[in-house]
Amino acid sequence: MDQLERRAVEILEGLAAQPAAPFFEERPARFILETLANLKGVETRRDQFGNVIAHYRNLASDAAPRPPIAFMAHMDHPGFEIFLDTEQKNIYTA
């Protein structure tokens, strides 16, 4: 597993460790905000419903404009399992 894959697993493990239930999403929201706070070019906020909104701006002056991409997920049900197949070098989620 390379460094990027390890970091992705660390983030998923950290998010999954946050207790959450519908309308009680403060802990996963805080984890997401803290994780995004370390990234350059990312601005975050929470809306009136508690959703985390993040905007990424490519700070490179030579960056070509690209169409926007949106990622959406529920914070109240982050429960899942990650399976690492070290022989095949695959990561599975369920």
PDB file of N, CA and C in Angstrom:
ATOM      1  N   MET A   1       0.859  -1.170   0.000  1.00  0.00           N
ATOM      2  CA  MET A   1       0.000   0.000   0.000  1.00  0.00           C
ATOM      3  C   MET A   1       0.907   1.235   0.000  1.00  0.00           C
ATOM      4  N   ASP A   2       0.624   2.165  -0.904  1.00  0.00           N
ATOM      5  CA  ASP A   2       1.457   3.358  -0.965  1.00  0.00           C
ATOM      6  C   ASP A   2       0.993   4.405   0.055  1.00  0.00           C
ATOM      7  N   GLN A   3       1.707   5.508   0.113  1.00  0.00           N
ATOM      8  CA  GLN A   3       1.442   6.544   1.120  1.00  0.00           C
ATOM      9  C   GLN A   3       0.041   7.138   0.971  1.00  0.00           C
ATOM     10  N   LEU A   4      -0.402   7.376  -0.254  1.00  0.00           N
ATOM     11  CA  LEU A   4      -1.733   7.941  -0.480  1.00  0.00           C
ATOM     12  C   LEU A   4      -2.823   6.976  -0.014  1.00  0.00           C
ATOM     13  N   GLU A   5      -2.651   5.697  -0.306  1.00  0.00           N
ATOM     14  CA  GLU A   5      -3.625   4.697   0.139  1.00  0.00           C
ATOM     15  C   GLU A   5      -3.652   4.595   1.661  1.00  0.00           C
ATOM     16  N   ARG A   6      -2.475   4.637   2.295  1.00  0.00           N
ATOM     17  CA  ARG A   6      -2.427   4.595   3.767  1.00  0.00           C
ATOM     18  C   ARG A   6      -3.155   5.797   4.360  1.00  0.00           C
ATOM     19  N   ARG A   7      -2.942   6.976   3.775  1.00  0.00           N
ATOM     20  CA  ARG A   7      -3.607   8.183   4.284  1.00  0.00           C
ATOM     21  C   ARG A   7      -5.119   8.070   4.117  1.00  0.00           C
ATOM     22  N   ALA A   8      -5.569   7.525   2.994  1.00  0.00           N
ATOM     23  CA  ALA A   8      -7.005   7.336   2.776  1.00  0.00           C
ATOM     24  C   ALA A   8      -7.593   6.403   3.829  1.00  0.00           C
ATOM     25  N   VAL A   9      -6.897   5.323   4.134  1.00  0.00           N
ATOM     26  CA  VAL A   9      -7.367   4.383   5.158  1.00  0.00           C
ATOM     27  C   VAL A   9      -7.390   5.060   6.526  1.00  0.00           C
ATOM     28  N   GLU A  10      -6.360   5.845   6.850  1.00  0.00           N
ATOM     29  CA  GLU A  10      -6.337   6.572   8.130  1.00  0.00           C
ATOM     30  C   GLU A  10      -7.540   7.502   8.257  1.00  0.00           C
ATOM     31  N   ILE A  11      -7.855   8.217   7.191  1.00  0.00           N
ATOM     32  CA  ILE A  11      -9.001   9.130   7.224  1.00  0.00           C
ATOM     33  C   ILE A  11     -10.297   8.347   7.406  1.00  0.00           C
ATOM     34  N   LEU A  12     -10.466   7.265   6.659  1.00  0.00           N
ATOM     35  CA  LEU A  12     -11.683   6.460   6.786  1.00  0.00           C
ATOM     36  C   LEU A  12     -11.814   5.847   8.176  1.00  0.00           C
ATOM     37  N   GLU A  13     -10.704   5.375   8.730  1.00  0.00           N
ATOM     38  CA  GLU A  13     -10.744   4.820  10.087  1.00  0.00           C
ATOM     39  C   GLU A  13     -11.117   5.900  11.096  1.00  0.00           C
ATOM     40  N   GLY A  14     -10.540   7.084  10.944  1.00  0.00           N
ATOM     41  CA  GLY A  14     -10.855   8.186  11.852  1.00  0.00           C
ATOM     42  C   GLY A  14     -12.306   8.599  11.769  1.00  0.00           C
ATOM     43  N   LEU A  15     -12.840   8.660  10.563  1.00  0.00           N
ATOM     44  CA  LEU A  15     -14.244   9.030  10.388  1.00  0.00           C
ATOM     45  C   LEU A  15     -15.166   7.960  10.962  1.00  0.00           C
ATOM     46  N   ALA A  16     -14.857   6.701  10.688  1.00  0.00           N
ATOM     47  CA  ALA A  16     -15.694   5.605  11.182  1.00  0.00           C
ATOM     48  C   ALA A  16     -15.669   5.501  12.699  1.00  0.00           C
ATOM     49  N   ALA A  17     -14.627   6.012  13.335  1.00  0.00           N
ATOM     50  CA  ALA A  17     -14.522   5.952  14.798  1.00  0.00           C
ATOM     51  C   ALA A  17     -15.366   7.018  15.492  1.00  0.00           C
ATOM     52  N   GLN A  18     -15.938   7.953  14.730  1.00  0.00           N
ATOM     53  CA  GLN A  18     -16.736   9.020  15.332  1.00  0.00           C
ATOM     54  C   GLN A  18     -18.167   8.537  15.554  1.00  0.00           C
ATOM     55  N   PRO A  19     -18.666   8.649  16.778  1.00  0.00           N
ATOM     56  CA  PRO A  19     -20.061   8.262  17.004  1.00  0.00           C
ATOM     57  C   PRO A  19     -20.991   9.221  16.270  1.00  0.00           C
ATOM     58  N   ALA A  20     -22.026   8.663  15.663  1.00  0.00           N
ATOM     59  CA  ALA A  20     -22.964   9.499  14.910  1.00  0.00           C
ATOM     60  C   ALA A  20     -24.317   8.819  14.830  1.00  0.00           C
ATOM     61  N   ALA A  21     -25.330   9.630  14.810  1.00  0.00           N
ATOM     62  CA  ALA A  21     -26.708   9.183  14.617  1.00  0.00           C
ATOM     63  C   ALA A  21     -27.435  10.335  13.939  1.00  0.00           C
ATOM     64  N   PRO A  22     -28.582  10.082  13.319  1.00  0.00           N
ATOM     65  CA  PRO A  22     -29.305  11.179  12.690  1.00  0.00           C
ATOM     66  C   PRO A  22     -29.503  12.351  13.662  1.00  0.00           C
ATOM     67  N   PHE A  23     -29.188  13.544  13.187  1.00  0.00           N
ATOM     68  CA  PHE A  23     -29.302  14.809  13.932  1.00  0.00           C
ATOM     69  C   PHE A  23     -28.256  14.954  15.039  1.00  0.00           C
ATOM     70  N   PHE A  24     -27.332  14.029  15.166  1.00  0.00           N
ATOM     71  CA  PHE A  24     -26.230  14.113  16.129  1.00  0.00           C
ATOM     72  C   PHE A  24     -24.923  13.844  15.373  1.00  0.00           C
ATOM     73  N   GLU A  25     -24.597  14.782  14.496  1.00  0.00           N
ATOM     74  CA  GLU A  25     -23.486  14.588  13.571  1.00  0.00           C
ATOM     75  C   GLU A  25     -22.307  15.507  13.869  1.00  0.00           C
ATOM     76  N   GLU A  26     -22.253  16.065  15.074  1.00  0.00           N
ATOM     77  CA  GLU A  26     -21.201  17.025  15.409  1.00  0.00           C
ATOM     78  C   GLU A  26     -19.806  16.399  15.340  1.00  0.00           C
ATOM     79  N   ARG A  27     -19.639  15.211  15.875  1.00  0.00           N
ATOM     80  CA  ARG A  27     -18.302  14.592  15.910  1.00  0.00           C
ATOM     81  C   ARG A  27     -17.772  14.282  14.505  1.00  0.00           C
ATOM     82  N   PRO A  28     -18.547  13.627  13.632  1.00  0.00           N
ATOM     83  CA  PRO A  28     -18.001  13.411  12.289  1.00  0.00           C
ATOM     84  C   PRO A  28     -17.782  14.724  11.535  1.00  0.00           C
ATOM     85  N   ALA A  29     -18.650  15.703  11.728  1.00  0.00           N
ATOM     86  CA  ALA A  29     -18.468  17.000  11.066  1.00  0.00           C
ATOM     87  C   ALA A  29     -17.176  17.657  11.527  1.00  0.00           C
ATOM     88  N   ARG A  30     -16.924  17.617  12.819  1.00  0.00           N
ATOM     89  CA  ARG A  30     -15.696  18.208  13.359  1.00  0.00           C
ATOM     90  C   ARG A  30     -14.461  17.486  12.802  1.00  0.00           C
ATOM     91  N   PHE A  31     -14.531  16.159  12.732  1.00  0.00           N
ATOM     92  CA  PHE A  31     -13.416  15.384  12.177  1.00  0.00           C
ATOM     93  C   PHE A  31     -13.160  15.781  10.721  1.00  0.00           C
ATOM     94  N   ILE A  32     -14.207  15.905   9.940  1.00  0.00           N
ATOM     95  CA  ILE A  32     -14.065  16.291   8.533  1.00  0.00           C
ATOM     96  C   ILE A  32     -13.464  17.688   8.424  1.00  0.00           C
ATOM     97  N   LEU A  33     -13.972  18.627   9.214  1.00  0.00           N
ATOM     98  CA  LEU A  33     -13.453  19.997   9.179  1.00  0.00           C
ATOM     99  C   LEU A  33     -11.987  20.047   9.585  1.00  0.00           C
ATOM    100  N   GLU A  34     -11.609  19.292  10.606  1.00  0.00           N
ATOM    101  CA  GLU A  34     -10.210  19.264  11.044  1.00  0.00           C
ATOM    102  C   GLU A  34      -9.311  18.633   9.982  1.00  0.00           C
ATOM    103  N   THR A  35      -9.802  17.601   9.321  1.00  0.00           N
ATOM    104  CA  THR A  35      -9.025  16.954   8.266  1.00  0.00           C
ATOM    105  C   THR A  35      -8.825  17.903   7.085  1.00  0.00           C
ATOM    106  N   LEU A  36      -9.884  18.593   6.699  1.00  0.00           N
ATOM    107  CA  LEU A  36      -9.791  19.518   5.566  1.00  0.00           C
ATOM    108  C   LEU A  36      -8.988  20.769   5.894  1.00  0.00           C
ATOM    109  N   ALA A  37      -8.921  21.136   7.168  1.00  0.00           N
ATOM    110  CA  ALA A  37      -8.196  22.348   7.574  1.00  0.00           C
ATOM    111  C   ALA A  37      -6.713  22.253   7.244  1.00  0.00           C
ATOM    112  N   ASN A  38      -6.187  21.055   7.101  1.00  0.00           N
ATOM    113  CA  ASN A  38      -4.767  20.859   6.808  1.00  0.00           C
ATOM    114  C   ASN A  38      -4.444  20.919   5.319  1.00  0.00           C
ATOM    115  N   LEU A  39      -5.448  21.103   4.487  1.00  0.00           N
ATOM    116  CA  LEU A  39      -5.228  21.093   3.042  1.00  0.00           C
ATOM    117  C   LEU A  39      -5.191  22.514   2.488  1.00  0.00           C
ATOM    118  N   LYS A  40      -4.188  22.808   1.689  1.00  0.00           N
ATOM    119  CA  LYS A  40      -4.072  24.132   1.073  1.00  0.00           C
ATOM    120  C   LYS A  40      -5.139  24.297  -0.002  1.00  0.00           C
ATOM    121  N   GLY A  41      -5.710  25.481  -0.068  1.00  0.00           N
ATOM    122  CA  GLY A  41      -6.694  25.779  -1.098  1.00  0.00           C
ATOM    123  C   GLY A  41      -8.099  25.334  -0.766  1.00  0.00           C
ATOM    124  N   VAL A  42      -8.328  24.826   0.442  1.00  0.00           N
ATOM    125  CA  VAL A  42      -9.659  24.345   0.821  1.00  0.00           C
ATOM    126  C   VAL A  42     -10.283  25.309   1.826  1.00  0.00           C
ATOM    127  N   GLU A  43     -11.471  25.776   1.501  1.00  0.00           N
ATOM    128  CA  GLU A  43     -12.249  26.608   2.417  1.00  0.00           C
ATOM    129  C   GLU A  43     -13.458  25.793   2.861  1.00  0.00           C
ATOM    130  N   THR A  44     -13.764  25.828   4.151  1.00  0.00           N
ATOM    131  CA  THR A  44     -14.876  25.031   4.672  1.00  0.00           C
ATOM    132  C   THR A  44     -15.857  25.896   5.440  1.00  0.00           C
ATOM    133  N   ARG A  45     -17.066  25.394   5.533  1.00  0.00           N
ATOM    134  CA  ARG A  45     -18.097  26.021   6.369  1.00  0.00           C
ATOM    135  C   ARG A  45     -19.175  24.981   6.635  1.00  0.00           C
ATOM    136  N   ARG A  46     -20.040  25.289   7.572  1.00  0.00           N
ATOM    137  CA  ARG A  46     -21.223  24.459   7.821  1.00  0.00           C
ATOM    138  C   ARG A  46     -22.448  25.293   7.513  1.00  0.00           C
ATOM    139  N   ASP A  47     -23.417  24.690   6.884  1.00  0.00           N
ATOM    140  CA  ASP A  47     -24.644  25.423   6.580  1.00  0.00           C
ATOM    141  C   ASP A  47     -25.620  25.340   7.750  1.00  0.00           C
ATOM    142  N   GLN A  48     -26.794  25.922   7.578  1.00  0.00           N
ATOM    143  CA  GLN A  48     -27.768  25.993   8.675  1.00  0.00           C
ATOM    144  C   GLN A  48     -28.301  24.627   9.090  1.00  0.00           C
ATOM    145  N   PHE A  49     -28.090  23.611   8.267  1.00  0.00           N
ATOM    146  CA  PHE A  49     -28.551  22.262   8.590  1.00  0.00           C
ATOM    147  C   PHE A  49     -27.442  21.401   9.192  1.00  0.00           C
ATOM    148  N   GLY A  50     -26.230  21.940   9.275  1.00  0.00           N
ATOM    149  CA  GLY A  50     -25.106  21.201   9.837  1.00  0.00           C
ATOM    150  C   GLY A  50     -24.243  20.496   8.811  1.00  0.00           C
ATOM    151  N   ASN A  51     -24.598  20.623   7.530  1.00  0.00           N
ATOM    152  CA  ASN A  51     -23.792  19.999   6.482  1.00  0.00           C
ATOM    153  C   ASN A  51     -22.434  20.678   6.379  1.00  0.00           C
ATOM    154  N   VAL A  52     -21.422  19.905   6.064  1.00  0.00           N
ATOM    155  CA  VAL A  52     -20.089  20.449   5.818  1.00  0.00           C
ATOM    156  C   VAL A  52     -19.991  20.770   4.329  1.00  0.00           C
ATOM    157  N   ILE A  53     -19.636  22.011   4.032  1.00  0.00           N
ATOM    158  CA  ILE A  53     -19.442  22.460   2.657  1.00  0.00           C
ATOM    159  C   ILE A  53     -17.964  22.807   2.509  1.00  0.00           C
ATOM    160  N   ALA A  54     -17.317  22.247   1.516  1.00  0.00           N
ATOM    161  CA  ALA A  54     -15.899  22.534   1.278  1.00  0.00           C
ATOM    162  C   ALA A  54     -15.715  22.956  -0.172  1.00  0.00           C
ATOM    163  N   HIS A  55     -14.902  23.976  -0.362  1.00  0.00           N
ATOM    164  CA  HIS A  55     -14.556  24.453  -1.701  1.00  0.00           C
ATOM    165  C   HIS A  55     -13.046  24.349  -1.856  1.00  0.00           C
ATOM    166  N   TYR A  56     -12.629  23.739  -2.948  1.00  0.00           N
ATOM    167  CA  TYR A  56     -11.198  23.621  -3.238  1.00  0.00           C
ATOM    168  C   TYR A  56     -10.854  24.538  -4.396  1.00  0.00           C
ATOM    169  N   ARG A  57      -9.807  25.291  -4.216  1.00  0.00           N
ATOM    170  CA  ARG A  57      -9.299  26.149  -5.281  1.00  0.00           C
ATOM    171  C   ARG A  57      -7.870  25.714  -5.581  1.00  0.00           C
ATOM    172  N   ASN A  58      -7.609  25.378  -6.835  1.00  0.00           N
ATOM    173  CA  ASN A  58      -6.252  25.025  -7.237  1.00  0.00           C
ATOM    174  C   ASN A  58      -5.423  26.300  -7.198  1.00  0.00           C
ATOM    175  N   LEU A  59      -4.402  26.322  -6.364  1.00  0.00           N
ATOM    176  CA  LEU A  59      -3.611  27.525  -6.162  1.00  0.00           C
ATOM    177  C   LEU A  59      -2.507  27.708  -7.197  1.00  0.00           C
ATOM    178  N   ALA A  60      -2.293  26.731  -8.054  1.00  0.00           N
ATOM    179  CA  ALA A  60      -1.252  26.848  -9.073  1.00  0.00           C
ATOM    180  C   ALA A  60      -1.667  27.880 -10.118  1.00  0.00           C
ATOM    181  N   SER A  61      -0.774  28.801 -10.424  1.00  0.00           N
ATOM    182  CA  SER A  61      -1.112  29.868 -11.369  1.00  0.00           C
ATOM    183  C   SER A  61      -1.294  29.344 -12.787  1.00  0.00           C
ATOM    184  N   ASP A  62      -0.696  28.203 -13.098  1.00  0.00           N
ATOM    185  CA  ASP A  62      -0.814  27.654 -14.444  1.00  0.00           C
ATOM    186  C   ASP A  62      -1.912  26.598 -14.558  1.00  0.00           C
ATOM    187  N   ALA A  63      -2.730  26.485 -13.536  1.00  0.00           N
ATOM    188  CA  ALA A  63      -3.775  25.454 -13.536  1.00  0.00           C
ATOM    189  C   ALA A  63      -4.852  25.792 -14.566  1.00  0.00           C
ATOM    190  N   ALA A  64      -5.178  24.819 -15.380  1.00  0.00           N
ATOM    191  CA  ALA A  64      -6.240  24.998 -16.367  1.00  0.00           C
ATOM    192  C   ALA A  64      -7.591  24.900 -15.676  1.00  0.00           C
ATOM    193  N   PRO A  65      -8.553  25.732 -16.074  1.00  0.00           N
ATOM    194  CA  PRO A  65      -9.894  25.633 -15.475  1.00  0.00           C
ATOM    195  C   PRO A  65     -10.500  24.257 -15.749  1.00  0.00           C
ATOM    196  N   ARG A  66     -11.170  23.730 -14.762  1.00  0.00           N
ATOM    197  CA  ARG A  66     -11.819  22.425 -14.895  1.00  0.00           C
ATOM    198  C   ARG A  66     -13.244  22.532 -14.378  1.00  0.00           C
ATOM    199  N   PRO A  67     -14.123  21.649 -14.850  1.00  0.00           N
ATOM    200  CA  PRO A  67     -15.501  21.684 -14.350  1.00  0.00           C
ATOM    201  C   PRO A  67     -15.552  21.287 -12.876  1.00  0.00           C
ATOM    202  N   PRO A  68     -16.524  21.819 -12.137  1.00  0.00           N
ATOM    203  CA  PRO A  68     -16.628  21.472 -10.711  1.00  0.00           C
ATOM    204  C   PRO A  68     -17.024  20.011 -10.511  1.00  0.00           C
ATOM    205  N   ILE A  69     -16.612  19.481  -9.372  1.00  0.00           N
ATOM    206  CA  ILE A  69     -16.968  18.119  -8.967  1.00  0.00           C
ATOM    207  C   ILE A  69     -17.602  18.218  -7.586  1.00  0.00           C
ATOM    208  N   ALA A  70     -18.667  17.479  -7.358  1.00  0.00           N
ATOM    209  CA  ALA A  70     -19.322  17.473  -6.047  1.00  0.00           C
ATOM    210  C   ALA A  70     -19.264  16.066  -5.460  1.00  0.00           C
ATOM    211  N   PHE A  71     -18.931  15.995  -4.173  1.00  0.00           N
ATOM    212  CA  PHE A  71     -18.975  14.743  -3.419  1.00  0.00           C
ATOM    213  C   PHE A  71     -20.004  14.929  -2.318  1.00  0.00           C
ATOM    214  N   MET A  72     -20.879  13.965  -2.151  1.00  0.00           N
ATOM    215  CA  MET A  72     -21.890  14.046  -1.103  1.00  0.00           C
ATOM    216  C   MET A  72     -21.903  12.740  -0.321  1.00  0.00           C
ATOM    217  N   ALA A  73     -22.148  12.849   0.983  1.00  0.00           N
ATOM    218  CA  ALA A  73     -22.227  11.653   1.818  1.00  0.00           C
ATOM    219  C   ALA A  73     -23.006  11.980   3.081  1.00  0.00           C
ATOM    220  N   HIS A  74     -23.592  10.973   3.677  1.00  0.00           N
ATOM    221  CA  HIS A  74     -24.270  11.132   4.960  1.00  0.00           C
ATOM    222  C   HIS A  74     -23.247  11.036   6.080  1.00  0.00           C
ATOM    223  N   MET A  75     -23.304  11.970   7.027  1.00  0.00           N
ATOM    224  CA  MET A  75     -22.408  11.892   8.185  1.00  0.00           C
ATOM    225  C   MET A  75     -23.034  11.089   9.314  1.00  0.00           C
ATOM    226  N   ASP A  76     -24.337  10.857   9.252  1.00  0.00           N
ATOM    227  CA  ASP A  76     -24.999  10.185  10.366  1.00  0.00           C
ATOM    228  C   ASP A  76     -24.905   8.666  10.291  1.00  0.00           C
ATOM    229  N   HIS A  77     -24.409   8.136   9.212  1.00  0.00           N
ATOM    230  CA  HIS A  77     -24.273   6.684   9.093  1.00  0.00           C
ATOM    231  C   HIS A  77     -22.932   6.326   8.469  1.00  0.00           C
ATOM    232  N   PRO A  78     -21.816   6.646   9.149  1.00  0.00           N
ATOM    233  CA  PRO A  78     -20.521   6.350   8.538  1.00  0.00           C
ATOM    234  C   PRO A  78     -20.050   4.915   8.741  1.00  0.00           C
ATOM    235  N   GLY A  79     -20.905   4.059   9.296  1.00  0.00           N
ATOM    236  CA  GLY A  79     -20.457   2.710   9.607  1.00  0.00           C
ATOM    237  C   GLY A  79     -20.219   1.865   8.367  1.00  0.00           C
ATOM    238  N   PHE A  80     -19.034   1.331   8.244  1.00  0.00           N
ATOM    239  CA  PHE A  80     -18.684   0.403   7.188  1.00  0.00           C
ATOM    240  C   PHE A  80     -17.415  -0.316   7.604  1.00  0.00           C
ATOM    241  N   GLU A  81     -17.071  -1.319   6.865  1.00  0.00           N
ATOM    242  CA  GLU A  81     -15.851  -2.059   7.161  1.00  0.00           C
ATOM    243  C   GLU A  81     -14.908  -1.949   5.978  1.00  0.00           C
ATOM    244  N   ILE A  82     -13.632  -1.900   6.280  1.00  0.00           N
ATOM    245  CA  ILE A  82     -12.603  -1.872   5.244  1.00  0.00           C
ATOM    246  C   ILE A  82     -11.835  -3.182   5.325  1.00  0.00           C
ATOM    247  N   PHE A  83     -11.727  -3.843   4.203  1.00  0.00           N
ATOM    248  CA  PHE A  83     -10.980  -5.090   4.125  1.00  0.00           C
ATOM    249  C   PHE A  83      -9.772  -4.863   3.229  1.00  0.00           C
ATOM    250  N   LEU A  84      -8.602  -5.180   3.726  1.00  0.00           N
ATOM    251  CA  LEU A  84      -7.375  -5.029   2.951  1.00  0.00           C
ATOM    252  C   LEU A  84      -6.893  -6.405   2.528  1.00  0.00           C
ATOM    253  N   ASP A  85      -6.792  -6.606   1.236  1.00  0.00           N
ATOM    254  CA  ASP A  85      -6.267  -7.844   0.662  1.00  0.00           C
ATOM    255  C   ASP A  85      -4.814  -7.571   0.288  1.00  0.00           C
ATOM    256  N   THR A  86      -3.888  -7.937   1.176  1.00  0.00           N
ATOM    257  CA  THR A  86      -2.475  -7.615   0.952  1.00  0.00           C
ATOM    258  C   THR A  86      -1.865  -8.409  -0.197  1.00  0.00           C
ATOM    259  N   GLU A  87      -2.405  -9.584  -0.471  1.00  0.00           N
ATOM    260  CA  GLU A  87      -1.859 -10.373  -1.576  1.00  0.00           C
ATOM    261  C   GLU A  87      -2.199  -9.753  -2.925  1.00  0.00           C
ATOM    262  N   GLN A  88      -3.432  -9.323  -3.078  1.00  0.00           N
ATOM    263  CA  GLN A  88      -3.867  -8.726  -4.342  1.00  0.00           C
ATOM    264  C   GLN A  88      -3.715  -7.205  -4.347  1.00  0.00           C
ATOM    265  N   LYS A  89      -3.352  -6.637  -3.186  1.00  0.00           N
ATOM    266  CA  LYS A  89      -3.186  -5.188  -3.031  1.00  0.00           C
ATOM    267  C   LYS A  89      -4.468  -4.428  -3.371  1.00  0.00           C
ATOM    268  N   ASN A  90      -5.583  -4.923  -2.863  1.00  0.00           N
ATOM    269  CA  ASN A  90      -6.876  -4.281  -3.067  1.00  0.00           C
ATOM    270  C   ASN A  90      -7.471  -3.872  -1.734  1.00  0.00           C
ATOM    271  N   ILE A  91      -8.262  -2.831  -1.755  1.00  0.00           N
ATOM    272  CA  ILE A  91      -9.021  -2.399  -0.584  1.00  0.00           C
ATOM    273  C   ILE A  91     -10.494  -2.533  -0.932  1.00  0.00           C
ATOM    274  N   TYR A  92     -11.257  -3.196  -0.057  1.00  0.00           N
ATOM    275  CA  TYR A  92     -12.685  -3.389  -0.271  1.00  0.00           C
ATOM    276  C   TYR A  92     -13.446  -2.726   0.865  1.00  0.00           C
ATOM    277  N   THR A  93     -14.602  -2.194   0.561  1.00  0.00           N
ATOM    278  CA  THR A  93     -15.469  -1.646   1.607  1.00  0.00           C
ATOM    279  C   THR A  93     -16.804  -2.361   1.559  1.00  0.00           C
ATOM    280  N   ALA A  94     -17.433  -2.452   2.716  1.00  0.00           N
ATOM    281  CA  ALA A  94     -18.746  -3.090   2.799  1.00  0.00           C
ATOM    282  C   ALA A  94     -19.576  -2.353   3.822  1.00  0.00           C
TER     283      ALA A  94
END
